[in-house]
PDB file of N, CA and C in Angstrom:
ATOM      1  N   MET A   1     -51.662   5.963-174.104  1.00  0.00           N
ATOM      2  CA  MET A   1     -50.244   5.801-174.104  1.00  0.00           C
ATOM      3  C   MET A   1     -50.199   5.728-172.103  1.00  0.00           C
ATOM      4  N   THR A   2     -49.416   4.852-171.474  1.00  0.00           N
ATOM      5  CA  THR A   2     -48.867   5.090-170.472  1.00  0.00           C
ATOM      6  C   THR A   2     -47.889   6.065-170.406  1.00  0.00           C
ATOM      7  N   ASP A   3     -48.184   7.084-168.785  1.00  0.00           N
ATOM      8  CA  ASP A   3     -47.033   7.668-168.568  1.00  0.00           C
ATOM      9  C   ASP A   3     -45.830   7.488-167.524  1.00  0.00           C
ATOM     10  N   GLN A   4     -45.672   6.051-167.297  1.00  0.00           N
ATOM     11  CA  GLN A   4     -44.839   5.511-166.503  1.00  0.00           C
ATOM     12  C   GLN A   4     -43.012   5.234-167.328  1.00  0.00           C
ATOM     13  N   PRO A   5     -42.241   5.557-166.519  1.00  0.00           N
ATOM     14  CA  PRO A   5     -40.979   5.679-167.307  1.00  0.00           C
ATOM     15  C   PRO A   5     -40.625   3.831-168.123  1.00  0.00           C
ATOM     16  N   ARG A   6     -40.057   3.931-169.012  1.00  0.00           N
ATOM     17  CA  ARG A   6     -40.014   2.444-169.436  1.00  0.00           C
ATOM     18  C   ARG A   6     -38.183   2.044-169.247  1.00  0.00           C
ATOM     19  N   PRO A   7     -38.339   0.623-168.834  1.00  0.00           N
ATOM     20  CA  PRO A   7     -37.206   0.824-168.120  1.00  0.00           C
ATOM     21  C   PRO A   7     -36.491   0.159-169.415  1.00  0.00           C
ATOM     22  N   GLN A   8     -34.804   0.702-169.656  1.00  0.00           N
ATOM     23  CA  GLN A   8     -34.303   0.220-170.639  1.00  0.00           C
ATOM     24  C   GLN A   8     -32.991  -1.235-170.513  1.00  0.00           C
ATOM     25  N   HIS A   9     -32.672  -1.681-171.598  1.00  0.00           N
ATOM     26  CA  HIS A   9     -31.527  -2.261-171.667  1.00  0.00           C
ATOM     27  C   HIS A   9     -31.131  -2.603-172.956  1.00  0.00           C
ATOM     28  N   LEU A  10     -30.007  -2.560-172.496  1.00  0.00           N
ATOM     29  CA  LEU A  10     -28.706  -2.867-174.286  1.00  0.00           C
ATOM     30  C   LEU A  10     -28.674  -3.858-174.722  1.00  0.00           C
ATOM     31  N   ARG A  11     -28.670  -5.060-175.194  1.00  0.00           N
ATOM     32  CA  ARG A  11     -28.185  -6.326-175.265  1.00  0.00           C
ATOM     33  C   ARG A  11     -28.082  -6.509-176.809  1.00  0.00           C
ATOM     34  N   MET A  12     -27.234  -7.969-177.324  1.00  0.00           N
ATOM     35  CA  MET A  12     -27.135  -8.529-178.550  1.00  0.00           C
ATOM     36  C   MET A  12     -28.579  -9.431-178.214  1.00  0.00           C
ATOM     37  N   ILE A  13     -29.080  -8.989-179.337  1.00  0.00           N
ATOM     38  CA  ILE A  13     -30.475 -10.170-179.666  1.00  0.00           C
ATOM     39  C   ILE A  13     -30.703 -10.809-180.641  1.00  0.00           C
ATOM     40  N   PRO A  14     -30.156 -12.343-180.665  1.00  0.00           N
ATOM     41  CA  PRO A  14     -30.053 -12.993-181.900  1.00  0.00           C
ATOM     42  C   PRO A  14     -31.133 -12.174-183.150  1.00  0.00           C
ATOM     43  N   ILE A  15     -31.136 -12.349-184.489  1.00  0.00           N
ATOM     44  CA  ILE A  15     -32.088 -11.464-185.541  1.00  0.00           C
ATOM     45  C   ILE A  15     -33.254 -12.436-185.337  1.00  0.00           C
ATOM     46  N   ASP A  16     -32.898 -13.602-185.490  1.00  0.00           N
ATOM     47  CA  ASP A  16     -33.789 -14.587-185.807  1.00  0.00           C
ATOM     48  C   ASP A  16     -35.025 -14.931-185.119  1.00  0.00           C
ATOM     49  N   ARG A  17     -34.883 -13.751-183.664  1.00  0.00           N
ATOM     50  CA  ARG A  17     -35.563 -14.607-182.178  1.00  0.00           C
ATOM     51  C   ARG A  17     -36.676 -13.291-182.012  1.00  0.00           C
ATOM     52  N   ILE A  18     -36.639 -11.921-183.572  1.00  0.00           N
ATOM     53  CA  ILE A  18     -36.728 -10.921-183.496  1.00  0.00           C
ATOM     54  C   ILE A  18     -38.242 -11.173-184.864  1.00  0.00           C
ATOM     55  N   GLU A  19     -39.591 -10.413-183.848  1.00  0.00           N
ATOM     56  CA  GLU A  19     -40.673 -10.118-184.794  1.00  0.00           C
ATOM     57  C   GLU A  19     -41.066  -8.715-185.134  1.00  0.00           C
ATOM     58  N   VAL A  20     -41.490  -8.375-186.286  1.00  0.00           N
ATOM     59  CA  VAL A  20     -41.717  -7.155-186.596  1.00  0.00           C
ATOM     60  C   VAL A  20     -42.646  -6.898-186.502  1.00  0.00           C
ATOM     61  N   LEU A  21     -43.404  -5.661-185.602  1.00  0.00           N
ATOM     62  CA  LEU A  21     -44.553  -5.722-184.862  1.00  0.00           C
ATOM     63  C   LEU A  21     -45.737  -4.783-186.191  1.00  0.00           C
ATOM     64  N   ASN A  22     -44.841  -3.908-186.593  1.00  0.00           N
ATOM     65  CA  ASN A  22     -45.434  -2.856-187.333  1.00  0.00           C
ATOM     66  C   ASN A  22     -44.576  -3.092-189.039  1.00  0.00           C
ATOM     67  N   PRO A  23     -44.890  -3.609-190.064  1.00  0.00           N
ATOM     68  CA  PRO A  23     -43.807  -3.852-191.246  1.00  0.00           C
ATOM     69  C   PRO A  23     -43.902  -2.581-192.481  1.00  0.00           C
ATOM     70  N   ARG A  24     -43.649  -2.157-192.727  1.00  0.00           N
ATOM     71  CA  ARG A  24     -43.993  -1.213-194.000  1.00  0.00           C
ATOM     72  C   ARG A  24     -42.979  -1.095-195.055  1.00  0.00           C
ATOM     73  N   ALA A  25     -43.591  -1.220-196.472  1.00  0.00           N
ATOM     74  CA  ALA A  25     -42.629  -1.033-197.231  1.00  0.00           C
ATOM     75  C   ALA A  25     -41.662   0.321-196.995  1.00  0.00           C
ATOM     76  N   ARG A  26     -40.657  -0.284-198.091  1.00  0.00           N
ATOM     77  CA  ARG A  26     -39.358   0.756-198.239  1.00  0.00           C
ATOM     78  C   ARG A  26     -38.914   0.663-199.812  1.00  0.00           C
ATOM     79  N   ASN A  27     -38.511   2.385-199.611  1.00  0.00           N
ATOM     80  CA  ASN A  27     -37.983   2.570-200.889  1.00  0.00           C
ATOM     81  C   ASN A  27     -36.623   1.482-201.292  1.00  0.00           C
ATOM     82  N   LYS A  28     -36.401   0.801-202.352  1.00  0.00           N
ATOM     83  CA  LYS A  28     -35.224  -0.033-201.822  1.00  0.00           C
ATOM     84  C   LYS A  28     -33.790   0.416-202.499  1.00  0.00           C
ATOM     85  N   ARG A  29     -34.039   1.763-203.294  1.00  0.00           N
ATOM     86  CA  ARG A  29     -32.518   2.701-203.041  1.00  0.00           C
ATOM     87  C   ARG A  29     -32.636   2.869-202.099  1.00  0.00           C
ATOM     88  N   LEU A  30     -33.377   3.704-201.219  1.00  0.00           N
ATOM     89  CA  LEU A  30     -32.782   4.182-200.397  1.00  0.00           C
ATOM     90  C   LEU A  30     -31.959   3.278-198.995  1.00  0.00           C
ATOM     91  N   HIS A  31     -33.002   2.460-199.068  1.00  0.00           N
ATOM     92  CA  HIS A  31     -32.379   1.050-198.182  1.00  0.00           C
ATOM     93  C   HIS A  31     -30.840   0.559-198.653  1.00  0.00           C
ATOM     94  N   ARG A  32     -30.695   0.465-199.586  1.00  0.00           N
ATOM     95  CA  ARG A  32     -29.613  -0.136-199.786  1.00  0.00           C
ATOM     96  C   ARG A  32     -28.460   0.916-199.581  1.00  0.00           C
ATOM     97  N   GLU A  33     -28.522   2.084-199.742  1.00  0.00           N
ATOM     98  CA  GLU A  33     -28.041   3.049-199.140  1.00  0.00           C
ATOM     99  C   GLU A  33     -27.512   2.618-197.291  1.00  0.00           C
ATOM    100  N   ILE A  34     -28.824   2.410-196.915  1.00  0.00           N
ATOM    101  CA  ILE A  34     -29.071   2.029-195.489  1.00  0.00           C
ATOM    102  C   ILE A  34     -27.558   0.949-195.325  1.00  0.00           C
ATOM    103  N   VAL A  35     -27.659  -0.004-195.996  1.00  0.00           N
ATOM    104  CA  VAL A  35     -27.368  -1.715-195.843  1.00  0.00           C
ATOM    105  C   VAL A  35     -25.703  -1.554-196.062  1.00  0.00           C
ATOM    106  N   GLU A  36     -25.824  -0.343-197.256  1.00  0.00           N
ATOM    107  CA  GLU A  36     -24.139   0.099-197.467  1.00  0.00           C
ATOM    108  C   GLU A  36     -23.579   0.979-196.601  1.00  0.00           C
ATOM    109  N   ASN A  37     -23.789   1.909-195.623  1.00  0.00           N
ATOM    110  CA  ASN A  37     -23.768   2.630-194.596  1.00  0.00           C
ATOM    111  C   ASN A  37     -23.488   1.358-193.291  1.00  0.00           C
ATOM    112  N   ILE A  38     -24.283   1.391-193.155  1.00  0.00           N
ATOM    113  CA  ILE A  38     -23.891  -0.206-191.919  1.00  0.00           C
ATOM    114  C   ILE A  38     -22.586  -0.729-192.231  1.00  0.00           C
ATOM    115  N   ASP A  39     -22.752  -1.233-193.744  1.00  0.00           N
ATOM    116  CA  ASP A  39     -21.498  -1.987-193.827  1.00  0.00           C
ATOM    117  C   ASP A  39     -20.164  -1.089-193.825  1.00  0.00           C
ATOM    118  N   ALA A  40     -20.864  -0.122-194.002  1.00  0.00           N
ATOM    119  CA  ALA A  40     -18.801   0.323-194.098  1.00  0.00           C
ATOM    120  C   ALA A  40     -18.801   1.285-193.094  1.00  0.00           C
ATOM    121  N   VAL A  41     -19.203   1.510-192.009  1.00  0.00           N
ATOM    122  CA  VAL A  41     -19.232   2.119-190.775  1.00  0.00           C
ATOM    123  C   VAL A  41     -20.001   1.542-189.456  1.00  0.00           C
ATOM    124  N   GLY A  42     -20.524   0.431-189.452  1.00  0.00           N
ATOM    125  CA  GLY A  42     -21.231  -0.143-188.647  1.00  0.00           C
ATOM    126  C   GLY A  42     -22.599   0.659-187.954  1.00  0.00           C
ATOM    127  N   LEU A  43     -23.346  -0.092-187.328  1.00  0.00           N
ATOM    128  CA  LEU A  43     -24.513   0.413-186.604  1.00  0.00           C
ATOM    129  C   LEU A  43     -24.586   1.807-185.735  1.00  0.00           C
ATOM    130  N   LYS A  44     -24.944   2.566-186.265  1.00  0.00           N
ATOM    131  CA  LYS A  44     -25.012   3.793-185.282  1.00  0.00           C
ATOM    132  C   LYS A  44     -26.281   3.988-183.901  1.00  0.00           C
ATOM    133  N   ARG A  45     -26.865   3.482-184.163  1.00  0.00           N
ATOM    134  CA  ARG A  45     -28.070   3.292-183.617  1.00  0.00           C
ATOM    135  C   ARG A  45     -28.875   2.376-183.272  1.00  0.00           C
ATOM    136  N   PRO A  46     -28.933   1.784-181.942  1.00  0.00           N
ATOM    137  CA  PRO A  46     -29.411  -0.015-181.991  1.00  0.00           C
ATOM    138  C   PRO A  46     -30.932   0.491-182.306  1.00  0.00           C
ATOM    139  N   VAL A  47     -31.112  -0.830-182.893  1.00  0.00           N
ATOM    140  CA  VAL A  47     -32.595  -0.990-182.669  1.00  0.00           C
ATOM    141  C   VAL A  47     -33.549  -1.171-181.216  1.00  0.00           C
ATOM    142  N   THR A  48     -34.646  -1.192-181.396  1.00  0.00           N
ATOM    143  CA  THR A  48     -35.574  -1.118-179.991  1.00  0.00           C
ATOM    144  C   THR A  48     -36.597  -1.777-179.934  1.00  0.00           C
ATOM    145  N   VAL A  49     -36.684  -2.523-179.206  1.00  0.00           N
ATOM    146  CA  VAL A  49     -37.390  -4.161-179.495  1.00  0.00           C
ATOM    147  C   VAL A  49     -38.172  -4.137-177.756  1.00  0.00           C
ATOM    148  N   ARG A  50     -39.140  -5.488-178.093  1.00  0.00           N
ATOM    149  CA  ARG A  50     -39.667  -5.490-176.396  1.00  0.00           C
ATOM    150  C   ARG A  50     -39.428  -7.043-176.173  1.00  0.00           C
ATOM    151  N   ARG A  51     -39.914  -7.460-174.965  1.00  0.00           N
ATOM    152  CA  ARG A  51     -39.689  -9.188-175.141  1.00  0.00           C
ATOM    153  C   ARG A  51     -41.452  -9.033-175.441  1.00  0.00           C
ATOM    154  N   HIS A  52     -41.330 -10.466-176.373  1.00  0.00           N
ATOM    155  CA  HIS A  52     -42.706 -10.953-176.515  1.00  0.00           C
ATOM    156  C   HIS A  52     -43.381 -11.442-175.284  1.00  0.00           C
ATOM    157  N   PRO A  53     -44.593 -11.171-174.837  1.00  0.00           N
ATOM    158  CA  PRO A  53     -45.583 -11.236-174.425  1.00  0.00           C
ATOM    159  C   PRO A  53     -45.467 -12.864-173.339  1.00  0.00           C
ATOM    160  N   ASP A  54     -46.521 -13.508-174.489  1.00  0.00           N
ATOM    161  CA  ASP A  54     -46.044 -14.975-174.381  1.00  0.00           C
ATOM    162  C   ASP A  54     -45.110 -15.798-174.342  1.00  0.00           C
ATOM    163  N   ASP A  55     -43.495 -15.200-174.813  1.00  0.00           N
ATOM    164  CA  ASP A  55     -42.261 -16.171-174.634  1.00  0.00           C
ATOM    165  C   ASP A  55     -40.905 -15.268-174.836  1.00  0.00           C
ATOM    166  N   PRO A  56     -40.274 -15.546-173.795  1.00  0.00           N
ATOM    167  CA  PRO A  56     -39.585 -14.390-172.664  1.00  0.00           C
ATOM    168  C   PRO A  56     -38.274 -14.828-173.920  1.00  0.00           C
ATOM    169  N   GLU A  57     -38.474 -15.813-174.857  1.00  0.00           N
ATOM    170  CA  GLU A  57     -37.010 -15.861-175.978  1.00  0.00           C
ATOM    171  C   GLU A  57     -37.303 -14.873-177.081  1.00  0.00           C
ATOM    172  N   ARG A  58     -38.371 -14.262-176.844  1.00  0.00           N
ATOM    173  CA  ARG A  58     -38.883 -13.450-178.288  1.00  0.00           C
ATOM    174  C   ARG A  58     -38.598 -12.429-178.487  1.00  0.00           C
ATOM    175  N   TYR A  59     -38.736 -11.537-179.141  1.00  0.00           N
ATOM    176  CA  TYR A  59     -38.623  -9.929-179.084  1.00  0.00           C
ATOM    177  C   TYR A  59     -39.408  -9.485-180.472  1.00  0.00           C
ATOM    178  N   ASP A  60     -40.110  -8.332-179.929  1.00  0.00           N
ATOM    179  CA  ASP A  60     -40.993  -7.773-181.309  1.00  0.00           C
ATOM    180  C   ASP A  60     -40.200  -5.834-181.346  1.00  0.00           C
ATOM    181  N   LEU A  61     -39.705  -6.155-182.602  1.00  0.00           N
ATOM    182  CA  LEU A  61     -38.939  -4.864-183.265  1.00  0.00           C
ATOM    183  C   LEU A  61     -39.997  -3.512-183.068  1.00  0.00           C
ATOM    184  N   VAL A  62     -39.745  -2.735-182.757  1.00  0.00           N
ATOM    185  CA  VAL A  62     -40.210  -1.216-181.809  1.00  0.00           C
ATOM    186  C   VAL A  62     -40.412  -0.320-182.924  1.00  0.00           C
ATOM    187  N   CYS A  63     -38.682  -0.685-183.053  1.00  0.00           N
ATOM    188  CA  CYS A  63     -38.210   0.695-184.325  1.00  0.00           C
ATOM    189  C   CYS A  63     -37.336   0.239-184.707  1.00  0.00           C
ATOM    190  N   GLY A  64     -36.938   0.289-186.224  1.00  0.00           N
ATOM    191  CA  GLY A  64     -35.824   0.088-186.766  1.00  0.00           C
ATOM    192  C   GLY A  64     -35.048  -1.295-187.554  1.00  0.00           C
ATOM    193  N   GLU A  65     -36.980  -1.348-188.110  1.00  0.00           N
ATOM    194  CA  GLU A  65     -36.954  -2.208-189.566  1.00  0.00           C
ATOM    195  C   GLU A  65     -36.235  -2.066-190.542  1.00  0.00           C
ATOM    196  N   GLY A  66     -35.817  -1.391-191.121  1.00  0.00           N
ATOM    197  CA  GLY A  66     -34.613  -1.061-191.947  1.00  0.00           C
ATOM    198  C   GLY A  66     -33.221  -1.438-191.774  1.00  0.00           C
ATOM    199  N   ARG A  67     -32.788  -1.118-189.817  1.00  0.00           N
ATOM    200  CA  ARG A  67     -31.466  -1.470-189.381  1.00  0.00           C
ATOM    201  C   ARG A  67     -31.158  -3.172-189.531  1.00  0.00           C
ATOM    202  N   LEU A  68     -32.433  -3.660-189.024  1.00  0.00           N
ATOM    203  CA  LEU A  68     -32.750  -4.799-188.890  1.00  0.00           C
ATOM    204  C   LEU A  68     -32.920  -5.962-190.088  1.00  0.00           C
ATOM    205  N   GLU A  69     -33.089  -5.629-191.039  1.00  0.00           N
ATOM    206  CA  GLU A  69     -33.423  -6.009-192.564  1.00  0.00           C
ATOM    207  C   GLU A  69     -31.544  -5.811-193.002  1.00  0.00           C
ATOM    208  N   ALA A  70     -31.067  -4.553-192.888  1.00  0.00           N
ATOM    209  CA  ALA A  70     -29.762  -4.518-193.044  1.00  0.00           C
ATOM    210  C   ALA A  70     -28.420  -5.526-192.602  1.00  0.00           C
ATOM    211  N   PHE A  71     -28.831  -5.733-191.320  1.00  0.00           N
ATOM    212  CA  PHE A  71     -28.110  -6.369-190.733  1.00  0.00           C
ATOM    213  C   PHE A  71     -28.495  -8.085-191.217  1.00  0.00           C
ATOM    214  N   ARG A  72     -29.820  -8.368-191.542  1.00  0.00           N
ATOM    215  CA  ARG A  72     -29.780  -9.610-192.238  1.00  0.00           C
ATOM    216  C   ARG A  72     -29.381 -10.074-193.335  1.00  0.00           C
ATOM    217  N   LEU A  73     -29.077  -8.909-193.965  1.00  0.00           N
ATOM    218  CA  LEU A  73     -28.891  -9.265-195.829  1.00  0.00           C
ATOM    219  C   LEU A  73     -27.195  -8.837-195.398  1.00  0.00           C
ATOM    220  N   LEU A  74     -26.506  -8.409-194.406  1.00  0.00           N
ATOM    221  CA  LEU A  74     -25.397  -8.583-194.364  1.00  0.00           C
ATOM    222  C   LEU A  74     -24.835  -9.971-193.599  1.00  0.00           C
ATOM    223  N   GLY A  75     -25.640 -10.788-193.729  1.00  0.00           N
ATOM    224  CA  GLY A  75     -25.467 -11.794-192.663  1.00  0.00           C
ATOM    225  C   GLY A  75     -24.844 -12.241-191.189  1.00  0.00           C
ATOM    226  N   GLN A  76     -25.738 -10.956-190.500  1.00  0.00           N
ATOM    227  CA  GLN A  76     -25.164 -10.893-188.838  1.00  0.00           C
ATOM    228  C   GLN A  76     -26.412 -12.200-188.539  1.00  0.00           C
ATOM    229  N   GLU A  77     -25.976 -12.186-187.424  1.00  0.00           N
ATOM    230  CA  GLU A  77     -26.580 -13.482-186.308  1.00  0.00           C
ATOM    231  C   GLU A  77     -27.312 -12.551-185.484  1.00  0.00           C
ATOM    232  N   LYS A  78     -26.723 -11.588-185.297  1.00  0.00           N
ATOM    233  CA  LYS A  78     -27.313 -10.638-183.728  1.00  0.00           C
ATOM    234  C   LYS A  78     -26.868  -8.870-184.139  1.00  0.00           C
ATOM    235  N   ILE A  79     -27.693  -8.341-183.063  1.00  0.00           N
ATOM    236  CA  ILE A  79     -27.960  -7.190-183.529  1.00  0.00           C
ATOM    237  C   ILE A  79     -27.981  -5.955-181.778  1.00  0.00           C
ATOM    238  N   PRO A  80     -27.163  -4.813-181.803  1.00  0.00           N
ATOM    239  CA  PRO A  80     -27.850  -4.496-180.583  1.00  0.00           C
ATOM    240  C   PRO A  80     -29.192  -4.062-180.518  1.00  0.00           C
ATOM    241  N   ALA A  81     -29.428  -3.771-179.787  1.00  0.00           N
ATOM    242  CA  ALA A  81     -30.964  -3.480-178.897  1.00  0.00           C
ATOM    243  C   ALA A  81     -31.157  -3.138-178.101  1.00  0.00           C
ATOM    244  N   VAL A  82     -32.252  -1.955-177.884  1.00  0.00           N
ATOM    245  CA  VAL A  82     -32.255  -1.551-176.817  1.00  0.00           C
ATOM    246  C   VAL A  82     -33.799  -2.487-176.453  1.00  0.00           C
ATOM    247  N   VAL A  83     -33.830  -2.976-175.168  1.00  0.00           N
ATOM    248  CA  VAL A  83     -34.921  -3.538-174.806  1.00  0.00           C
ATOM    249  C   VAL A  83     -35.810  -2.895-174.175  1.00  0.00           C
ATOM    250  N   ILE A  84     -36.609  -2.643-174.184  1.00  0.00           N
ATOM    251  CA  ILE A  84     -37.628  -1.621-173.437  1.00  0.00           C
ATOM    252  C   ILE A  84     -38.974  -2.493-172.952  1.00  0.00           C
ATOM    253  N   GLU A  85     -39.821  -1.833-172.331  1.00  0.00           N
ATOM    254  CA  GLU A  85     -40.520  -2.713-171.297  1.00  0.00           C
ATOM    255  C   GLU A  85     -42.061  -1.722-171.923  1.00  0.00           C
ATOM    256  N   ALA A  86     -42.996  -2.480-172.597  1.00  0.00           N
ATOM    257  CA  ALA A  86     -44.090  -1.384-172.830  1.00  0.00           C
ATOM    258  C   ALA A  86     -45.160  -2.241-173.462  1.00  0.00           C
ATOM    259  N   GLU A  87     -46.104  -1.428-173.790  1.00  0.00           N
ATOM    260  CA  GLU A  87     -47.841  -2.228-174.062  1.00  0.00           C
ATOM    261  C   GLU A  87     -47.306  -2.410-174.935  1.00  0.00           C
ATOM    262  N   GLU A  88     -48.322  -3.040-176.079  1.00  0.00           N
ATOM    263  CA  GLU A  88     -48.060  -3.209-177.552  1.00  0.00           C
ATOM    264  C   GLU A  88     -48.667  -1.730-178.260  1.00  0.00           C
ATOM    265  N   ALA A  89     -49.586  -1.199-177.595  1.00  0.00           N
ATOM    266  CA  ALA A  89     -50.142  -0.065-178.228  1.00  0.00           C
ATOM    267  C   ALA A  89     -49.495   0.890-178.181  1.00  0.00           C
ATOM    268  N   ASP A  90     -48.361   0.910-176.846  1.00  0.00           N
ATOM    269  CA  ASP A  90     -47.211   2.023-177.109  1.00  0.00           C
ATOM    270  C   ASP A  90     -46.329   1.804-178.143  1.00  0.00           C
ATOM    271  N   CYS A  91     -45.505   0.325-177.855  1.00  0.00           N
ATOM    272  CA  CYS A  91     -45.057   0.096-179.006  1.00  0.00           C
ATOM    273  C   CYS A  91     -45.293   0.618-180.636  1.00  0.00           C
ATOM    274  N   MET A  92     -46.716   0.636-180.800  1.00  0.00           N
ATOM    275  CA  MET A  92     -47.238   0.930-181.952  1.00  0.00           C
ATOM    276  C   MET A  92     -47.342   2.371-182.276  1.00  0.00           C
ATOM    277  N   VAL A  93     -47.040   3.155-181.548  1.00  0.00           N
ATOM    278  CA  VAL A  93     -47.620   4.607-181.622  1.00  0.00           C
ATOM    279  C   VAL A  93     -45.885   5.266-181.380  1.00  0.00           C
ATOM    280  N   MET A  94     -44.896   4.345-180.832  1.00  0.00           N
ATOM    281  CA  MET A  94     -43.554   4.745-180.642  1.00  0.00           C
ATOM    282  C   MET A  94     -43.027   4.454-182.643  1.00  0.00           C
ATOM    283  N   SER A  95     -43.372   3.122-182.891  1.00  0.00           N
ATOM    284  CA  SER A  95     -42.799   2.699-184.415  1.00  0.00           C
ATOM    285  C   SER A  95     -43.353   4.108-185.425  1.00  0.00           C
ATOM    286  N   LEU A  96     -45.076   4.234-184.927  1.00  0.00           N
ATOM    287  CA  LEU A  96     -45.106   5.455-185.952  1.00  0.00           C
ATOM    288  C   LEU A  96     -44.910   6.485-185.986  1.00  0.00           C
ATOM    289  N   VAL A  97     -44.193   7.085-184.646  1.00  0.00           N
ATOM    290  CA  VAL A  97     -43.339   8.461-184.381  1.00  0.00           C
ATOM    291  C   VAL A  97     -42.297   8.593-185.018  1.00  0.00           C
ATOM    292  N   GLU A  98     -41.838   7.343-185.110  1.00  0.00           N
ATOM    293  CA  GLU A  98     -40.239   6.975-185.295  1.00  0.00           C
ATOM    294  C   GLU A  98     -40.271   7.168-187.402  1.00  0.00           C
ATOM    295  N   ASN A  99     -41.467   6.441-187.495  1.00  0.00           N
ATOM    296  CA  ASN A  99     -41.669   6.475-189.199  1.00  0.00           C
ATOM    297  C   ASN A  99     -41.573   8.111-189.684  1.00  0.00           C
ATOM    298  N   ILE A 100     -42.662   8.430-188.813  1.00  0.00           N
ATOM    299  CA  ILE A 100     -43.572  10.159-189.026  1.00  0.00           C
ATOM    300  C   ILE A 100     -42.530  11.150-188.802  1.00  0.00           C
ATOM    301  N   ALA A 101     -41.585  11.173-187.958  1.00  0.00           N
ATOM    302  CA  ALA A 101     -40.412  12.015-187.914  1.00  0.00           C
ATOM    303  C   ALA A 101     -39.442  11.947-188.979  1.00  0.00           C
ATOM    304  N   ARG A 102     -39.019  10.721-189.736  1.00  0.00           N
ATOM    305  CA  ARG A 102     -38.151  10.178-190.488  1.00  0.00           C
ATOM    306  C   ARG A 102     -38.854  11.081-192.399  1.00  0.00           C
ATOM    307  N   ARG A 103     -40.018  11.144-192.654  1.00  0.00           N
ATOM    308  CA  ARG A 103     -40.109  11.424-193.491  1.00  0.00           C
ATOM    309  C   ARG A 103     -40.225  13.710-193.926  1.00  0.00           C
ATOM    310  N   GLN A 104     -39.819  13.500-194.785  1.00  0.00           N
ATOM    311  CA  GLN A 104     -39.360  15.020-195.219  1.00  0.00           C
ATOM    312  C   GLN A 104     -40.375  15.763-195.715  1.00  0.00           C
ATOM    313  N   HIS A 105     -41.386  16.265-194.838  1.00  0.00           N
ATOM    314  CA  HIS A 105     -42.457  17.517-195.054  1.00  0.00           C
ATOM    315  C   HIS A 105     -42.425  18.642-196.053  1.00  0.00           C
ATOM    316  N   ARG A 106     -43.141  18.604-196.949  1.00  0.00           N
ATOM    317  CA  ARG A 106     -43.261  19.462-197.876  1.00  0.00           C
ATOM    318  C   ARG A 106     -43.759  20.897-197.778  1.00  0.00           C
TER     319      ARG A 106
END
């Protein structure tokens, strides 16, 4: 991983321009709760993306697959996203860390 700061920009991104870098299976009941919560109160935290290195009109999803899928299910065309500058390996680590942090350890 690099130790340099990552510039960030918040913007509305068309959902159809976002590709999931690190897809994962999710609990359908818990995901339904996410969708219902976003529908009721809105998005509390934007997703995180990086510009695709080969196509500046496309984005790679770093964090927020559940939120992205919820927006799709709710018929939204755009989603608030923090756009970062990071290498793919750094993005994979960030995605992994978010997934591990969410788990309930016993």
